[in-house]
N, C-alpha and C. Protein backbone atom coordinates (compact mmCIF):
# COMPACT_ATOMS: atom_id res chain seq x y z
N MET A 1 7.61 6.33 -8.39
CA MET A 1 6.61 5.33 -8.69
C MET A 1 5.91 4.85 -7.42
N SER A 2 6.66 4.63 -6.37
CA SER A 2 6.08 4.11 -5.13
C SER A 2 5.10 5.09 -4.51
N ARG A 3 5.39 6.39 -4.65
CA ARG A 3 4.46 7.39 -4.12
C ARG A 3 3.11 7.28 -4.82
N GLU A 4 3.17 7.14 -6.14
CA GLU A 4 1.92 7.00 -6.90
C GLU A 4 1.18 5.73 -6.51
N LEU A 5 1.93 4.67 -6.23
CA LEU A 5 1.32 3.42 -5.79
C LEU A 5 0.59 3.61 -4.46
N LEU A 6 1.21 4.32 -3.53
CA LEU A 6 0.54 4.59 -2.25
C LEU A 6 -0.71 5.43 -2.45
N HIS A 7 -0.66 6.37 -3.39
CA HIS A 7 -1.85 7.17 -3.70
C HIS A 7 -2.96 6.26 -4.23
N GLU A 8 -2.59 5.31 -5.08
CA GLU A 8 -3.59 4.38 -5.62
C GLU A 8 -4.19 3.53 -4.51
N VAL A 9 -3.34 3.02 -3.63
CA VAL A 9 -3.83 2.20 -2.50
C VAL A 9 -4.79 3.04 -1.66
N ARG A 10 -4.37 4.26 -1.32
CA ARG A 10 -5.22 5.14 -0.53
C ARG A 10 -6.58 5.36 -1.20
N ASP A 11 -6.57 5.60 -2.50
CA ASP A 11 -7.81 5.87 -3.23
C ASP A 11 -8.71 4.64 -3.27
N VAL A 12 -8.13 3.46 -3.44
CA VAL A 12 -8.93 2.22 -3.44
C VAL A 12 -9.55 2.01 -2.06
N LEU A 13 -8.76 2.22 -1.02
CA LEU A 13 -9.28 2.05 0.34
C LEU A 13 -10.39 3.06 0.63
N ARG A 14 -10.21 4.28 0.16
CA ARG A 14 -11.24 5.30 0.37
C ARG A 14 -12.52 4.93 -0.38
N ALA A 15 -12.39 4.47 -1.62
CA ALA A 15 -13.56 4.07 -2.41
C ALA A 15 -14.28 2.88 -1.79
N ALA A 16 -13.52 2.02 -1.10
CA ALA A 16 -14.11 0.85 -0.44
C ALA A 16 -14.63 1.18 0.96
N ASP A 17 -14.55 2.44 1.35
CA ASP A 17 -14.94 2.89 2.69
C ASP A 17 -14.14 2.20 3.79
N ALA A 18 -12.90 1.84 3.48
CA ALA A 18 -12.02 1.23 4.48
C ALA A 18 -11.28 2.31 5.27
N ILE A 19 -11.19 3.51 4.71
CA ILE A 19 -10.60 4.65 5.41
C ILE A 19 -11.45 5.87 5.15
N ALA A 20 -11.34 6.84 6.06
CA ALA A 20 -12.09 8.09 5.88
C ALA A 20 -11.17 9.25 5.52
N SER A 21 -9.87 9.08 5.76
CA SER A 21 -8.95 10.20 5.53
C SER A 21 -7.54 9.71 5.25
N GLU A 22 -6.72 10.61 4.73
CA GLU A 22 -5.32 10.30 4.50
C GLU A 22 -4.61 10.06 5.83
N ARG A 23 -5.01 10.79 6.84
CA ARG A 23 -4.45 10.60 8.18
C ARG A 23 -4.65 9.16 8.64
N GLU A 24 -5.86 8.67 8.50
CA GLU A 24 -6.16 7.30 8.89
C GLU A 24 -5.33 6.30 8.07
N PHE A 25 -5.18 6.56 6.79
CA PHE A 25 -4.36 5.71 5.94
C PHE A 25 -2.93 5.64 6.45
N CYS A 26 -2.36 6.79 6.74
CA CYS A 26 -0.97 6.84 7.22
C CYS A 26 -0.80 6.09 8.53
N GLU A 27 -1.70 6.32 9.45
CA GLU A 27 -1.56 5.72 10.78
C GLU A 27 -1.93 4.24 10.82
N ARG A 28 -3.05 3.90 10.20
CA ARG A 28 -3.57 2.53 10.34
C ARG A 28 -3.11 1.56 9.27
N TRP A 29 -2.77 2.06 8.10
CA TRP A 29 -2.38 1.16 7.01
C TRP A 29 -0.89 1.19 6.73
N LEU A 30 -0.23 2.32 7.01
CA LEU A 30 1.21 2.40 6.77
C LEU A 30 2.01 2.25 8.06
N GLY A 31 1.35 2.43 9.20
CA GLY A 31 2.05 2.39 10.48
C GLY A 31 2.97 3.58 10.66
N LYS A 32 2.59 4.70 10.10
CA LYS A 32 3.41 5.92 10.13
C LYS A 32 2.63 7.06 10.78
N SER A 33 3.29 8.20 10.90
CA SER A 33 2.64 9.37 11.49
C SER A 33 1.56 9.90 10.55
N GLU A 34 0.68 10.69 11.11
CA GLU A 34 -0.45 11.22 10.35
C GLU A 34 -0.04 12.06 9.14
N CYS A 35 1.17 12.61 9.16
CA CYS A 35 1.61 13.50 8.08
C CYS A 35 2.59 12.81 7.12
N TYR A 36 2.67 11.49 7.14
CA TYR A 36 3.65 10.77 6.33
C TYR A 36 3.50 11.06 4.83
N MET A 37 2.29 10.96 4.30
CA MET A 37 2.07 11.19 2.86
C MET A 37 2.39 12.65 2.50
N ARG A 38 2.02 13.56 3.35
CA ARG A 38 2.31 14.97 3.12
C ARG A 38 3.83 15.20 3.07
N THR A 39 4.55 14.53 3.96
CA THR A 39 6.01 14.65 3.99
C THR A 39 6.62 14.10 2.70
N LEU A 40 6.10 12.98 2.21
CA LEU A 40 6.60 12.42 0.95
C LEU A 40 6.41 13.40 -0.19
N ARG A 41 5.22 14.00 -0.25
CA ARG A 41 4.93 14.97 -1.32
C ARG A 41 5.82 16.19 -1.21
N PHE A 42 5.93 16.74 -0.02
CA PHE A 42 6.70 17.97 0.17
C PHE A 42 8.18 17.75 -0.10
N SER A 43 8.72 16.64 0.36
CA SER A 43 10.15 16.36 0.23
C SER A 43 10.52 15.67 -1.07
N GLN A 44 9.50 15.30 -1.86
CA GLN A 44 9.73 14.60 -3.13
C GLN A 44 10.58 13.35 -2.93
N ILE A 45 10.23 12.56 -1.91
CA ILE A 45 10.95 11.32 -1.63
C ILE A 45 10.00 10.14 -1.77
N GLU A 46 10.59 8.97 -1.92
CA GLU A 46 9.81 7.76 -2.06
C GLU A 46 9.50 7.17 -0.68
N PRO A 47 8.43 6.40 -0.57
CA PRO A 47 8.10 5.80 0.72
C PRO A 47 9.14 4.75 1.14
N SER A 48 9.20 4.52 2.43
CA SER A 48 10.14 3.54 2.96
C SER A 48 9.67 2.13 2.64
N ALA A 49 10.64 1.21 2.65
CA ALA A 49 10.30 -0.21 2.47
C ALA A 49 9.40 -0.67 3.60
N ASP A 50 9.60 -0.12 4.78
CA ASP A 50 8.77 -0.47 5.93
C ASP A 50 7.30 -0.12 5.68
N ALA A 51 7.05 1.07 5.17
CA ALA A 51 5.68 1.49 4.89
C ALA A 51 5.05 0.61 3.81
N LEU A 52 5.81 0.33 2.76
CA LEU A 52 5.30 -0.53 1.68
C LEU A 52 5.05 -1.95 2.17
N ALA A 53 5.95 -2.48 2.98
CA ALA A 53 5.77 -3.84 3.50
C ALA A 53 4.56 -3.91 4.43
N THR A 54 4.39 -2.89 5.25
CA THR A 54 3.27 -2.87 6.19
C THR A 54 1.94 -2.84 5.45
N VAL A 55 1.80 -1.95 4.49
CA VAL A 55 0.54 -1.86 3.76
C VAL A 55 0.32 -3.11 2.91
N SER A 56 1.37 -3.65 2.35
CA SER A 56 1.25 -4.87 1.56
C SER A 56 0.73 -6.03 2.41
N ASN A 57 1.29 -6.16 3.59
CA ASN A 57 0.88 -7.24 4.49
C ASN A 57 -0.59 -7.08 4.90
N LYS A 58 -0.99 -5.86 5.19
CA LYS A 58 -2.37 -5.63 5.61
C LYS A 58 -3.34 -5.86 4.44
N LEU A 59 -2.96 -5.41 3.25
CA LEU A 59 -3.79 -5.66 2.07
C LEU A 59 -3.95 -7.16 1.83
N LYS A 60 -2.86 -7.90 1.95
CA LYS A 60 -2.89 -9.35 1.75
C LYS A 60 -3.80 -10.00 2.78
N TYR A 61 -3.69 -9.60 4.03
CA TYR A 61 -4.52 -10.16 5.10
C TYR A 61 -6.00 -9.94 4.79
N TYR A 62 -6.37 -8.71 4.48
CA TYR A 62 -7.79 -8.43 4.21
C TYR A 62 -8.25 -9.04 2.89
N SER A 63 -7.35 -9.18 1.95
CA SER A 63 -7.69 -9.87 0.71
C SER A 63 -8.12 -11.31 1.01
N GLU A 64 -7.36 -11.97 1.85
CA GLU A 64 -7.69 -13.35 2.22
C GLU A 64 -9.01 -13.43 2.98
N GLN A 65 -9.25 -12.46 3.87
CA GLN A 65 -10.50 -12.44 4.63
C GLN A 65 -11.70 -12.25 3.71
N MET A 66 -11.60 -11.32 2.78
CA MET A 66 -12.72 -11.05 1.88
C MET A 66 -12.94 -12.19 0.89
N ASN A 67 -11.87 -12.81 0.45
CA ASN A 67 -11.98 -13.90 -0.50
C ASN A 67 -12.72 -15.10 0.09
N ALA A 68 -12.67 -15.24 1.40
CA ALA A 68 -13.34 -16.35 2.08
C ALA A 68 -14.86 -16.13 2.19
N LYS A 69 -15.32 -14.93 1.90
CA LYS A 69 -16.75 -14.62 1.97
C LYS A 69 -17.44 -14.99 0.66
N ASP A 70 -18.76 -15.10 0.73
CA ASP A 70 -19.53 -15.48 -0.45
C ASP A 70 -19.89 -14.31 -1.36
N ALA A 71 -19.88 -13.12 -0.85
CA ALA A 71 -20.31 -11.95 -1.62
C ALA A 71 -19.36 -11.67 -2.78
N GLN A 72 -19.93 -11.54 -3.97
CA GLN A 72 -19.13 -11.32 -5.18
C GLN A 72 -18.35 -10.01 -5.11
N HIS A 73 -18.96 -8.95 -4.60
CA HIS A 73 -18.25 -7.65 -4.55
C HIS A 73 -17.03 -7.73 -3.62
N LEU A 74 -17.10 -8.57 -2.58
CA LEU A 74 -15.93 -8.74 -1.71
C LEU A 74 -14.84 -9.54 -2.40
N LYS A 75 -15.24 -10.51 -3.21
CA LYS A 75 -14.25 -11.28 -3.96
C LYS A 75 -13.52 -10.39 -4.98
N GLU A 76 -14.27 -9.47 -5.60
CA GLU A 76 -13.66 -8.54 -6.55
C GLU A 76 -12.72 -7.57 -5.84
N LEU A 77 -13.13 -7.08 -4.68
CA LEU A 77 -12.28 -6.19 -3.90
C LEU A 77 -11.06 -6.94 -3.39
N SER A 78 -11.24 -8.20 -3.07
CA SER A 78 -10.13 -9.05 -2.64
C SER A 78 -9.07 -9.13 -3.73
N MET A 79 -9.49 -9.28 -4.96
CA MET A 79 -8.54 -9.35 -6.08
C MET A 79 -7.80 -8.02 -6.24
N GLU A 80 -8.49 -6.92 -6.03
CA GLU A 80 -7.86 -5.60 -6.13
C GLU A 80 -6.83 -5.42 -5.00
N PHE A 81 -7.18 -5.83 -3.80
CA PHE A 81 -6.24 -5.77 -2.67
C PHE A 81 -5.02 -6.64 -2.94
N GLU A 82 -5.23 -7.82 -3.48
CA GLU A 82 -4.13 -8.73 -3.81
C GLU A 82 -3.20 -8.10 -4.85
N ARG A 83 -3.78 -7.49 -5.86
CA ARG A 83 -2.98 -6.83 -6.91
C ARG A 83 -2.12 -5.72 -6.31
N LEU A 84 -2.72 -4.93 -5.44
CA LEU A 84 -1.98 -3.82 -4.82
C LEU A 84 -0.90 -4.33 -3.88
N ALA A 85 -1.19 -5.40 -3.15
CA ALA A 85 -0.19 -5.99 -2.25
C ALA A 85 1.02 -6.46 -3.04
N GLU A 86 0.78 -7.11 -4.16
CA GLU A 86 1.87 -7.58 -5.02
C GLU A 86 2.65 -6.41 -5.61
N ALA A 87 1.96 -5.35 -5.98
CA ALA A 87 2.63 -4.18 -6.54
C ALA A 87 3.55 -3.54 -5.50
N CYS A 88 3.13 -3.54 -4.25
CA CYS A 88 3.98 -3.00 -3.18
C CYS A 88 5.25 -3.84 -3.04
N TRP A 89 5.12 -5.16 -3.06
CA TRP A 89 6.30 -6.03 -2.95
C TRP A 89 7.21 -5.87 -4.15
N THR A 90 6.63 -5.72 -5.32
CA THR A 90 7.44 -5.51 -6.51
C THR A 90 8.24 -4.21 -6.40
N SER A 91 7.62 -3.18 -5.86
CA SER A 91 8.29 -1.91 -5.68
C SER A 91 9.46 -2.05 -4.70
N ILE A 92 9.26 -2.77 -3.62
CA ILE A 92 10.32 -3.01 -2.64
C ILE A 92 11.48 -3.75 -3.31
N GLN A 93 11.17 -4.79 -4.06
CA GLN A 93 12.21 -5.59 -4.71
C GLN A 93 12.97 -4.78 -5.76
N THR A 94 12.26 -3.96 -6.52
CA THR A 94 12.90 -3.14 -7.54
C THR A 94 13.87 -2.15 -6.92
N THR A 95 13.45 -1.50 -5.85
CA THR A 95 14.31 -0.55 -5.15
C THR A 95 15.53 -1.25 -4.56
N ALA A 96 15.32 -2.39 -3.95
CA ALA A 96 16.43 -3.14 -3.36
C ALA A 96 17.44 -3.56 -4.43
N ARG A 97 16.95 -4.06 -5.54
CA ARG A 97 17.85 -4.48 -6.62
C ARG A 97 18.63 -3.31 -7.17
N ARG A 98 17.97 -2.17 -7.32
CA ARG A 98 18.65 -0.98 -7.82
C ARG A 98 19.79 -0.59 -6.87
N LYS A 99 19.57 -0.73 -5.56
CA LYS A 99 20.61 -0.37 -4.58
C LYS A 99 21.80 -1.32 -4.65
N TRP A 100 21.53 -2.64 -4.63
CA TRP A 100 22.68 -3.54 -4.60
C TRP A 100 23.37 -3.63 -5.95
N ALA A 101 22.65 -3.43 -7.03
CA ALA A 101 23.27 -3.48 -8.36
C ALA A 101 24.19 -2.26 -8.57
N ALA A 102 23.85 -1.15 -7.96
CA ALA A 102 24.67 0.05 -8.10
C ALA A 102 26.01 -0.09 -7.37
N VAL A 103 26.03 -0.93 -6.36
CA VAL A 103 27.25 -1.14 -5.56
C VAL A 103 28.14 -2.20 -6.18
N ALA A 104 27.53 -3.17 -6.84
CA ALA A 104 28.28 -4.32 -7.39
C ALA A 104 29.18 -3.95 -8.53
């Protein structure tokens, strides 16, 4: 699920012209190497909590910046960024709960 969420975030950022490539997404939005998304796909693994937290924080920051502007299209994009930021945190929490519940 988290991999699909990162794909959605990447696609929204690309549509908003916030990124030009997957490489840029990995490096500037996830704080990871340029091949991070490719590695996730190839290895069939989920993204790290660090990557999700980093992108969530950045989405939240830019959501707040855009929401402070008067332009309606920025306010709408701000809401989309906020939704994605929350989805990233939900994914982190779900994974964490699954880990500790399995041990308990």
